[in-house]
């Protein structure tokens, strides 16, 4: 089945350009022109990925992102933010609120399609699809793409799950920020170490007291502690 993409933008020209290119790449596209419509369509259609403009009427993209991340039905849907705001503070804020990727306008439609493909592939990009891992009270079930803490499932985005899986699979080994950028995001031209740090902070918040196993190696990166 074709992957379903929700594209949210209040600029009709941008909406049509994205829709055309995603459809040409083989995706089914649903569109929304404001924040309220975006939330409604995300909840009613449960898309495989959302391309979300930041500057929207009614609700802005950041607020839409927060609402969707708090909803268990939409909390794990990958979100690519698309916006004219290019400053680092805007980029970090978007990532803090739950975006998986960030594309600035003007953008290359071909690059956007590639980023959509990469986000959709994250669930299948782990090193060993047949493994189930455990550390402390956390179980990472790779085949089911599920994470449980104290027996209760927690909702991770595709990027968060891939980041956690890589750390678990390489338990005890330090992973530099540059290596994680390469292995999790596949490219690094528009990414920097703040991207990794922001996703690690979100991951720690979701793991609660089990976040103690996610160790920071000052000046280098991160590792999953052995005990």
Protein backbone atom coordinates (compact mmCIF):
# COMPACT_ATOMS: atom_id res chain seq x y z
CA UNK A 1 0.00 0.00 0.00
CA UNK A 2 1.09 3.56 -0.68
CA UNK A 3 2.35 5.47 2.34
CA UNK A 4 -0.03 8.26 3.33
CA UNK A 5 1.46 11.75 3.80
CA UNK A 6 -0.35 14.69 5.39
CA UNK A 7 0.98 17.99 4.02
CA UNK A 8 0.09 21.15 5.97
CA UNK A 9 0.75 24.60 4.50
CA UNK A 10 -1.35 27.76 4.14
CA UNK A 11 0.43 28.78 0.91
CA UNK A 12 -1.47 27.17 -1.96
CA UNK A 13 1.51 27.22 -4.34
CA UNK A 14 3.73 25.44 -1.81
CA UNK A 15 0.98 22.95 -1.01
CA UNK A 16 0.49 22.07 -4.68
CA UNK A 17 4.24 21.80 -5.31
CA UNK A 18 4.75 19.39 -2.40
CA UNK A 19 1.63 17.39 -3.27
CA UNK A 20 2.72 17.01 -6.91
CA UNK A 21 6.22 15.83 -6.05
CA UNK A 22 5.12 13.39 -3.36
CA UNK A 23 2.46 11.91 -5.60
CA UNK A 24 5.03 11.57 -8.40
CA UNK A 25 7.21 9.65 -5.92
CA UNK A 26 4.36 7.20 -5.30
CA UNK A 27 2.80 8.54 -2.10
CA UNK A 28 -0.83 9.19 -1.28
CA UNK A 29 -1.19 12.82 -0.20
CA UNK A 30 -3.72 14.49 2.10
CA UNK A 31 -3.59 18.28 2.51
CA UNK A 32 -4.58 20.82 5.16
CA UNK A 33 -4.40 24.61 5.04
CA UNK A 34 -4.41 25.58 8.73
CA UNK A 35 -3.51 24.23 12.14
CA UNK A 36 -6.98 23.16 13.25
CA UNK A 37 -7.56 21.25 10.01
CA UNK A 38 -4.13 19.64 10.40
CA UNK A 39 -4.97 18.27 13.87
CA UNK A 40 -8.39 17.04 12.70
CA UNK A 41 -7.03 15.27 9.62
CA UNK A 42 -4.07 13.78 11.50
CA UNK A 43 -6.46 12.24 14.02
CA UNK A 44 -9.01 11.04 11.46
CA UNK A 45 -6.62 9.63 8.84
CA UNK A 46 -3.53 8.63 10.93
CA UNK A 47 -0.98 9.37 8.18
CA UNK A 48 2.40 7.63 7.93
CA UNK A 49 4.20 11.00 8.00
CA UNK A 50 3.36 14.70 8.31
CA UNK A 51 5.03 17.59 6.46
CA UNK A 52 4.13 20.56 8.66
CA UNK A 53 4.60 24.25 7.92
CA UNK A 54 5.50 26.36 10.94
CA UNK A 55 3.63 29.58 10.10
CA UNK A 56 -0.05 28.63 9.99
CA UNK A 57 -3.34 30.40 10.72
CA UNK A 58 -5.53 29.27 13.63
CA UNK A 59 -2.80 27.13 15.29
CA UNK A 60 0.85 27.49 14.35
CA UNK A 61 2.98 24.47 13.48
CA UNK A 62 4.67 24.31 16.87
CA UNK A 63 1.31 24.12 18.64
CA UNK A 64 0.08 21.49 16.18
CA UNK A 65 3.21 19.46 16.87
CA UNK A 66 2.69 19.67 20.63
CA UNK A 67 -0.97 18.58 20.34
CA UNK A 68 -0.16 15.62 18.10
CA UNK A 69 2.74 14.45 20.28
CA UNK A 70 0.49 14.41 23.38
CA UNK A 71 -2.10 12.22 21.62
CA UNK A 72 -1.34 8.48 21.79
CA UNK A 73 -2.95 7.95 18.37
CA UNK A 74 -0.64 10.44 16.64
CA UNK A 75 2.30 10.63 19.03
CA UNK A 76 4.67 8.45 17.02
CA UNK A 77 3.95 9.82 13.53
CA UNK A 78 7.16 11.25 11.97
CA UNK A 79 6.94 15.02 11.49
CA UNK A 80 9.06 17.05 9.08
CA UNK A 81 8.76 20.77 9.78
CA UNK A 82 8.85 22.98 6.69
CA UNK A 83 9.32 26.68 7.34
CA UNK A 84 10.88 29.97 6.30
CA UNK A 85 12.34 30.35 9.79
CA UNK A 86 15.96 29.22 9.50
CA UNK A 87 17.58 30.38 12.74
CA UNK A 88 19.11 27.75 15.03
CA UNK A 89 16.79 28.65 17.90
CA UNK A 90 13.74 27.95 15.71
CA UNK A 91 15.27 24.68 14.54
CA UNK A 92 16.04 23.53 18.09
CA UNK A 93 12.60 24.59 19.35
CA UNK A 94 10.94 22.55 16.61
CA UNK A 95 13.03 19.51 17.50
CA UNK A 96 12.37 20.00 21.22
CA UNK A 97 8.63 19.90 20.60
CA UNK A 98 8.84 16.64 18.69
CA UNK A 99 9.77 17.27 15.06
CA UNK A 100 11.93 14.55 13.49
CA UNK A 101 13.42 16.74 10.77
CA UNK A 102 13.47 20.39 9.72
CA UNK A 103 13.50 21.78 6.16
CA UNK A 104 13.78 25.51 5.44
CA UNK A 105 12.13 27.43 2.61
CA UNK A 106 13.00 27.85 -0.20
CA UNK A 107 13.49 24.10 -0.47
CA UNK A 108 14.34 21.55 -3.12
CA UNK A 109 11.32 19.29 -3.79
CA UNK A 110 13.72 16.44 -4.58
CA UNK A 111 15.47 16.88 -1.22
CA UNK A 112 12.14 16.95 0.60
CA UNK A 113 11.07 13.70 -1.07
CA UNK A 114 14.38 12.10 -0.06
CA UNK A 115 13.89 13.17 3.54
CA UNK A 116 10.36 11.79 3.53
CA UNK A 117 11.69 8.47 2.26
CA UNK A 118 14.39 8.37 4.93
CA UNK A 119 11.94 9.06 7.74
CA UNK A 120 9.62 6.32 6.51
CA UNK A 121 12.53 3.89 6.34
CA UNK A 122 13.62 4.47 9.94
CA UNK A 123 11.38 1.74 11.33
CA UNK A 124 13.16 -0.83 9.14
CA UNK A 125 16.72 0.45 9.35
CA UNK A 126 17.86 -1.33 12.53
CA UNK A 127 20.85 -3.67 12.40
CA UNK A 128 18.97 -6.83 13.42
CA UNK A 129 15.22 -6.86 12.90
CA UNK A 130 14.74 -10.04 14.92
CA UNK A 131 16.00 -8.92 18.32
CA UNK A 132 14.39 -7.90 21.57
CA UNK A 133 16.61 -6.00 24.02
CA UNK A 134 16.23 -5.19 27.70
CA UNK A 135 17.99 -2.83 30.06
CA UNK A 136 16.68 -2.11 33.53
CA UNK A 137 12.91 -1.83 33.28
CA UNK A 138 12.99 -1.08 29.55
CA UNK A 139 12.25 -3.58 26.76
CA UNK A 140 13.01 -2.61 23.15
CA UNK A 141 11.15 -4.92 20.79
CA UNK A 142 12.68 -4.27 17.35
CA UNK A 143 10.37 -6.50 15.24
CA UNK A 144 7.26 -4.88 16.75
CA UNK A 145 8.85 -1.42 16.78
CA UNK A 146 7.75 -1.09 20.40
CA UNK A 147 9.30 0.18 23.63
CA UNK A 148 7.96 -0.79 27.05
CA UNK A 149 8.88 0.71 30.42
CA UNK A 150 7.69 -1.27 33.45
CA UNK A 151 5.46 -3.26 31.12
CA UNK A 152 3.73 -0.18 29.70
CA UNK A 153 4.27 0.90 26.12
CA UNK A 154 5.67 4.37 25.57
CA UNK A 155 5.25 6.25 22.30
CA UNK A 156 8.52 7.04 20.54
CA UNK A 157 8.84 8.73 17.18
CA UNK A 158 10.59 6.77 14.43
CA UNK A 159 13.74 8.83 14.98
CA UNK A 160 13.71 8.35 18.75
CA UNK A 161 13.20 4.60 18.34
CA UNK A 162 16.06 4.30 15.87
CA UNK A 163 18.35 6.33 18.14
CA UNK A 164 17.51 4.15 21.15
CA UNK A 165 17.87 0.93 19.15
CA UNK A 166 21.33 1.89 17.91
CA UNK A 167 22.47 2.68 21.46
CA UNK A 168 21.02 -0.61 22.76
CA UNK A 169 22.56 -2.67 19.96
CA UNK A 170 25.95 -1.07 20.70
CA UNK A 171 25.60 -1.23 24.47
CA UNK A 172 28.69 -0.06 26.33
CA UNK A 173 30.31 1.47 23.23
CA UNK A 174 30.57 5.25 22.98
CA UNK A 175 28.74 6.67 19.97
CA UNK A 176 29.97 10.08 18.89
CA UNK A 177 27.44 12.73 17.89
CA UNK A 178 28.83 12.69 14.35
CA UNK A 179 28.39 8.92 14.15
CA UNK A 180 24.83 9.14 15.43
CA UNK A 181 24.05 11.88 12.89
CA UNK A 182 25.30 9.59 10.15
CA UNK A 183 23.58 6.43 11.39
CA UNK A 184 20.24 7.93 12.48
CA UNK A 185 19.74 10.82 10.06
CA UNK A 186 21.85 9.54 7.12
CA UNK A 187 23.06 13.02 6.28
CA UNK A 188 24.48 15.96 8.19
CA UNK A 189 24.54 19.02 5.93
CA UNK A 190 21.76 20.78 7.82
CA UNK A 191 22.15 18.90 11.09
CA UNK A 192 24.51 19.50 13.97
CA UNK A 193 25.25 18.11 17.40
CA UNK A 194 22.32 20.06 18.86
CA UNK A 195 20.01 17.78 16.85
CA UNK A 196 21.39 14.70 18.63
CA UNK A 197 21.34 16.40 22.04
CA UNK A 198 17.73 17.51 21.57
CA UNK A 199 16.52 14.03 20.63
CA UNK A 200 18.46 12.50 23.53
CA UNK A 201 16.80 14.93 25.92
CA UNK A 202 13.36 13.97 24.61
CA UNK A 203 14.23 10.28 24.83
CA UNK A 204 15.38 10.64 28.44
CA UNK A 205 12.15 12.41 29.38
CA UNK A 206 10.09 9.55 27.97
CA UNK A 207 12.17 6.84 29.69
CA UNK A 208 11.75 8.46 33.08
CA UNK A 209 13.94 6.93 35.80
CA UNK A 210 15.35 4.42 33.29
CA UNK A 211 17.06 7.34 31.53
CA UNK A 212 19.93 6.79 33.98
CA UNK A 213 21.17 4.09 31.58
CA UNK A 214 21.70 6.67 28.82
CA UNK A 215 25.15 7.96 29.66
CA UNK A 216 26.77 11.13 28.35
CA UNK A 217 30.48 10.96 27.59
CA UNK A 218 31.66 14.55 27.88
CA UNK A 219 33.12 15.91 24.67
CA UNK A 220 32.40 12.71 22.76
CA UNK A 221 28.80 11.54 22.68
CA UNK A 222 26.57 8.95 24.30
CA UNK A 223 26.42 5.30 25.26
CA UNK A 224 24.04 2.85 26.87
CA UNK A 225 25.53 1.86 30.21
CA UNK A 226 26.09 -1.82 30.92
CA UNK A 227 24.45 -1.59 34.34
